Amino acid sequence: MRSPVFAGVLERKYSVQFDDRGRLYLRQITESGEHMKRLVDDLRLNSLRLT
């Protein structure tokens, strides 16, 4: 799950050096990583409730 964090750093530091498509890809990676983190957090919460 570090790739989305790395993509976020790239987006913040170097977004001016990417074209529109590159910025779109970085944003998609970052947003997908955030979504994945929420899913994993929810799974962990649910597993704690079931035990």
PDB file of N, CA and C in Angstrom:
ATOM      1  N   MET A   1       0.815  -1.187   0.000  1.00  0.00           N
ATOM      2  CA  MET A   1       0.000   0.000   0.000  1.00  0.00           C
ATOM      3  C   MET A   1       0.866   1.261   0.000  1.00  0.00           C
ATOM      4  N   ARG A   2       2.135   1.112  -0.211  1.00  0.00           N
ATOM      5  CA  ARG A   2       2.997   2.288  -0.255  1.00  0.00           C
ATOM      6  C   ARG A   2       2.978   2.956  -1.617  1.00  0.00           C
ATOM      7  N   SER A   3       2.623   2.238  -2.654  1.00  0.00           N
ATOM      8  CA  SER A   3       2.613   2.831  -3.991  1.00  0.00           C
ATOM      9  C   SER A   3       1.712   4.051  -4.083  1.00  0.00           C
ATOM     10  N   PRO A   4       0.487   3.999  -3.521  1.00  0.00           N
ATOM     11  CA  PRO A   4      -0.339   5.199  -3.575  1.00  0.00           C
ATOM     12  C   PRO A   4       0.271   6.375  -2.817  1.00  0.00           C
ATOM     13  N   VAL A   5       0.951   6.089  -1.717  1.00  0.00           N
ATOM     14  CA  VAL A   5       1.614   7.159  -0.967  1.00  0.00           C
ATOM     15  C   VAL A   5       2.700   7.774  -1.826  1.00  0.00           C
ATOM     16  N   PHE A   6       3.474   6.929  -2.477  1.00  0.00           N
ATOM     17  CA  PHE A   6       4.542   7.405  -3.352  1.00  0.00           C
ATOM     18  C   PHE A   6       3.963   8.215  -4.513  1.00  0.00           C
ATOM     19  N   ALA A   7       2.846   7.754  -5.071  1.00  0.00           N
ATOM     20  CA  ALA A   7       2.199   8.483  -6.162  1.00  0.00           C
ATOM     21  C   ALA A   7       1.719   9.849  -5.680  1.00  0.00           C
ATOM     22  N   GLY A   8       1.217   9.912  -4.445  1.00  0.00           N
ATOM     23  CA  GLY A   8       0.791  11.191  -3.887  1.00  0.00           C
ATOM     24  C   GLY A   8       1.951  12.160  -3.744  1.00  0.00           C
ATOM     25  N   VAL A   9       3.095  11.652  -3.327  1.00  0.00           N
ATOM     26  CA  VAL A   9       4.291  12.491  -3.201  1.00  0.00           C
ATOM     27  C   VAL A   9       4.706  12.988  -4.584  1.00  0.00           C
ATOM     28  N   LEU A  10       4.704  12.090  -5.559  1.00  0.00           N
ATOM     29  CA  LEU A  10       5.045  12.495  -6.929  1.00  0.00           C
ATOM     30  C   LEU A  10       4.087  13.571  -7.430  1.00  0.00           C
ATOM     31  N   GLU A  11       2.803  13.374  -7.159  1.00  0.00           N
ATOM     32  CA  GLU A  11       1.804  14.330  -7.624  1.00  0.00           C
ATOM     33  C   GLU A  11       2.039  15.709  -7.001  1.00  0.00           C
ATOM     34  N   ARG A  12       2.314  15.740  -5.700  1.00  0.00           N
ATOM     35  CA  ARG A  12       2.522  17.024  -5.022  1.00  0.00           C
ATOM     36  C   ARG A  12       3.803  17.716  -5.471  1.00  0.00           C
ATOM     37  N   LYS A  13       4.880  16.944  -5.617  1.00  0.00           N
ATOM     38  CA  LYS A  13       6.178  17.555  -5.904  1.00  0.00           C
ATOM     39  C   LYS A  13       6.415  17.837  -7.387  1.00  0.00           C
ATOM     40  N   TYR A  14       5.918  16.956  -8.257  1.00  0.00           N
ATOM     41  CA  TYR A  14       6.321  17.024  -9.654  1.00  0.00           C
ATOM     42  C   TYR A  14       5.158  17.123 -10.634  1.00  0.00           C
ATOM     43  N   SER A  15       3.974  17.474 -10.152  1.00  0.00           N
ATOM     44  CA  SER A  15       2.810  17.462 -11.045  1.00  0.00           C
ATOM     45  C   SER A  15       2.981  18.400 -12.239  1.00  0.00           C
ATOM     46  N   VAL A  16       3.723  19.482 -12.064  1.00  0.00           N
ATOM     47  CA  VAL A  16       3.909  20.412 -13.180  1.00  0.00           C
ATOM     48  C   VAL A  16       4.743  19.787 -14.302  1.00  0.00           C
ATOM     49  N   GLN A  17       5.506  18.757 -13.986  1.00  0.00           N
ATOM     50  CA  GLN A  17       6.343  18.119 -14.998  1.00  0.00           C
ATOM     51  C   GLN A  17       5.608  17.015 -15.758  1.00  0.00           C
ATOM     52  N   PHE A  18       4.428  16.628 -15.273  1.00  0.00           N
ATOM     53  CA  PHE A  18       3.628  15.615 -15.955  1.00  0.00           C
ATOM     54  C   PHE A  18       2.616  16.281 -16.868  1.00  0.00           C
ATOM     55  N   ASP A  19       2.279  15.612 -17.953  1.00  0.00           N
ATOM     56  CA  ASP A  19       1.199  16.124 -18.794  1.00  0.00           C
ATOM     57  C   ASP A  19      -0.140  15.771 -18.140  1.00  0.00           C
ATOM     58  N   ASP A  20      -1.227  16.160 -18.777  1.00  0.00           N
ATOM     59  CA  ASP A  20      -2.554  15.926 -18.199  1.00  0.00           C
ATOM     60  C   ASP A  20      -2.813  14.453 -17.933  1.00  0.00           C
ATOM     61  N   ARG A  21      -2.404  13.604 -18.842  1.00  0.00           N
ATOM     62  CA  ARG A  21      -2.624  12.163 -18.674  1.00  0.00           C
ATOM     63  C   ARG A  21      -1.828  11.628 -17.486  1.00  0.00           C
ATOM     64  N   GLY A  22      -0.598  12.071 -17.345  1.00  0.00           N
ATOM     65  CA  GLY A  22       0.236  11.636 -16.225  1.00  0.00           C
ATOM     66  C   GLY A  22      -0.344  12.060 -14.892  1.00  0.00           C
ATOM     67  N   ARG A  23      -0.844  13.309 -14.826  1.00  0.00           N
ATOM     68  CA  ARG A  23      -1.474  13.786 -13.594  1.00  0.00           C
ATOM     69  C   ARG A  23      -2.748  12.998 -13.295  1.00  0.00           C
ATOM     70  N   LEU A  24      -3.495  12.669 -14.337  1.00  0.00           N
ATOM     71  CA  LEU A  24      -4.701  11.859 -14.157  1.00  0.00           C
ATOM     72  C   LEU A  24      -4.344  10.488 -13.582  1.00  0.00           C
ATOM     73  N   TYR A  25      -3.314   9.847 -14.119  1.00  0.00           N
ATOM     74  CA  TYR A  25      -2.895   8.531 -13.625  1.00  0.00           C
ATOM     75  C   TYR A  25      -2.451   8.606 -12.164  1.00  0.00           C
ATOM     76  N   LEU A  26      -1.669   9.612 -11.833  1.00  0.00           N
ATOM     77  CA  LEU A  26      -1.224   9.763 -10.448  1.00  0.00           C
ATOM     78  C   LEU A  26      -2.403   9.977  -9.508  1.00  0.00           C
ATOM     79  N   ARG A  27      -3.359  10.793  -9.934  1.00  0.00           N
ATOM     80  CA  ARG A  27      -4.542  11.050  -9.111  1.00  0.00           C
ATOM     81  C   ARG A  27      -5.359   9.769  -8.933  1.00  0.00           C
ATOM     82  N   GLN A  28      -5.486   8.990 -10.009  1.00  0.00           N
ATOM     83  CA  GLN A  28      -6.233   7.727  -9.920  1.00  0.00           C
ATOM     84  C   GLN A  28      -5.545   6.742  -8.984  1.00  0.00           C
ATOM     85  N   ILE A  29      -4.230   6.665  -9.042  1.00  0.00           N
ATOM     86  CA  ILE A  29      -3.485   5.777  -8.153  1.00  0.00           C
ATOM     87  C   ILE A  29      -3.689   6.203  -6.705  1.00  0.00           C
ATOM     88  N   THR A  30      -3.581   7.505  -6.450  1.00  0.00           N
ATOM     89  CA  THR A  30      -3.739   8.018  -5.089  1.00  0.00           C
ATOM     90  C   THR A  30      -5.142   7.759  -4.565  1.00  0.00           C
ATOM     91  N   GLU A  31      -6.158   8.068  -5.377  1.00  0.00           N
ATOM     92  CA  GLU A  31      -7.544   7.865  -4.938  1.00  0.00           C
ATOM     93  C   GLU A  31      -7.855   6.381  -4.738  1.00  0.00           C
ATOM     94  N   SER A  32      -7.350   5.542  -5.611  1.00  0.00           N
ATOM     95  CA  SER A  32      -7.575   4.097  -5.464  1.00  0.00           C
ATOM     96  C   SER A  32      -6.899   3.567  -4.207  1.00  0.00           C
ATOM     97  N   GLY A  33      -5.726   4.073  -3.911  1.00  0.00           N
ATOM     98  CA  GLY A  33      -5.031   3.666  -2.692  1.00  0.00           C
ATOM     99  C   GLY A  33      -5.779   4.084  -1.446  1.00  0.00           C
ATOM    100  N   GLU A  34      -6.346   5.288  -1.462  1.00  0.00           N
ATOM    101  CA  GLU A  34      -7.140   5.745  -0.316  1.00  0.00           C
ATOM    102  C   GLU A  34      -8.383   4.870  -0.142  1.00  0.00           C
ATOM    103  N   HIS A  35      -9.005   4.522  -1.263  1.00  0.00           N
ATOM    104  CA  HIS A  35     -10.176   3.648  -1.214  1.00  0.00           C
ATOM    105  C   HIS A  35      -9.800   2.269  -0.672  1.00  0.00           C
ATOM    106  N   MET A  36      -8.678   1.740  -1.131  1.00  0.00           N
ATOM    107  CA  MET A  36      -8.207   0.440  -0.660  1.00  0.00           C
ATOM    108  C   MET A  36      -7.939   0.478   0.845  1.00  0.00           C
ATOM    109  N   LYS A  37      -7.344   1.564   1.320  1.00  0.00           N
ATOM    110  CA  LYS A  37      -7.077   1.699   2.753  1.00  0.00           C
ATOM    111  C   LYS A  37      -8.378   1.682   3.551  1.00  0.00           C
ATOM    112  N   ARG A  38      -9.393   2.399   3.065  1.00  0.00           N
ATOM    113  CA  ARG A  38     -10.683   2.390   3.763  1.00  0.00           C
ATOM    114  C   ARG A  38     -11.281   0.992   3.789  1.00  0.00           C
ATOM    115  N   LEU A  39     -11.186   0.265   2.687  1.00  0.00           N
ATOM    116  CA  LEU A  39     -11.714  -1.100   2.638  1.00  0.00           C
ATOM    117  C   LEU A  39     -11.004  -2.006   3.641  1.00  0.00           C
ATOM    118  N   VAL A  40      -9.689  -1.918   3.690  1.00  0.00           N
ATOM    119  CA  VAL A  40      -8.917  -2.748   4.614  1.00  0.00           C
ATOM    120  C   VAL A  40      -9.250  -2.379   6.057  1.00  0.00           C
ATOM    121  N   ASP A  41      -9.345  -1.078   6.330  1.00  0.00           N
ATOM    122  CA  ASP A  41      -9.706  -0.644   7.684  1.00  0.00           C
ATOM    123  C   ASP A  41     -11.084  -1.176   8.080  1.00  0.00           C
ATOM    124  N   ASP A  42     -12.042  -1.119   7.160  1.00  0.00           N
ATOM    125  CA  ASP A  42     -13.385  -1.633   7.437  1.00  0.00           C
ATOM    126  C   ASP A  42     -13.363  -3.144   7.664  1.00  0.00           C
ATOM    127  N   LEU A  43     -12.577  -3.861   6.887  1.00  0.00           N
ATOM    128  CA  LEU A  43     -12.460  -5.314   7.076  1.00  0.00           C
ATOM    129  C   LEU A  43     -11.879  -5.633   8.455  1.00  0.00           C
ATOM    130  N   ARG A  44     -10.867  -4.883   8.846  1.00  0.00           N
ATOM    131  CA  ARG A  44     -10.268  -5.105  10.167  1.00  0.00           C
ATOM    132  C   ARG A  44     -11.264  -4.817  11.275  1.00  0.00           C
ATOM    133  N   LEU A  45     -12.021  -3.738  11.141  1.00  0.00           N
ATOM    134  CA  LEU A  45     -13.032  -3.429  12.145  1.00  0.00           C
ATOM    135  C   LEU A  45     -14.088  -4.542  12.243  1.00  0.00           C
ATOM    136  N   ASN A  46     -14.536  -5.010  11.087  1.00  0.00           N
ATOM    137  CA  ASN A  46     -15.539  -6.064  11.078  1.00  0.00           C
ATOM    138  C   ASN A  46     -14.986  -7.356  11.664  1.00  0.00           C
ATOM    139  N   SER A  47     -13.745  -7.662  11.403  1.00  0.00           N
ATOM    140  CA  SER A  47     -13.173  -8.899  11.950  1.00  0.00           C
ATOM    141  C   SER A  47     -13.040  -8.800  13.463  1.00  0.00           C
ATOM    142  N   LEU A  48     -12.782  -7.621  13.982  1.00  0.00           N
ATOM    143  CA  LEU A  48     -12.692  -7.430  15.433  1.00  0.00           C
ATOM    144  C   LEU A  48     -14.066  -7.592  16.082  1.00  0.00           C
ATOM    145  N   ARG A  49     -15.096  -7.164  15.406  1.00  0.00           N
ATOM    146  CA  ARG A  49     -16.451  -7.287  15.933  1.00  0.00           C
ATOM    147  C   ARG A  49     -16.925  -8.728  15.952  1.00  0.00           C
ATOM    148  N   LEU A  50     -16.439  -9.522  15.009  1.00  0.00           N
ATOM    149  CA  LEU A  50     -16.893 -10.902  14.897  1.00  0.00           C
ATOM    150  C   LEU A  50     -16.185 -11.843  15.873  1.00  0.00           C
ATOM    151  N   THR A  51     -15.060 -11.389  16.421  1.00  0.00           N
ATOM    152  CA  THR A  51     -14.314 -12.276  17.331  1.00  0.00           C
ATOM    153  C   THR A  51     -14.631 -11.999  18.772  1.00  0.00           C
TER     154      THR A  51
END
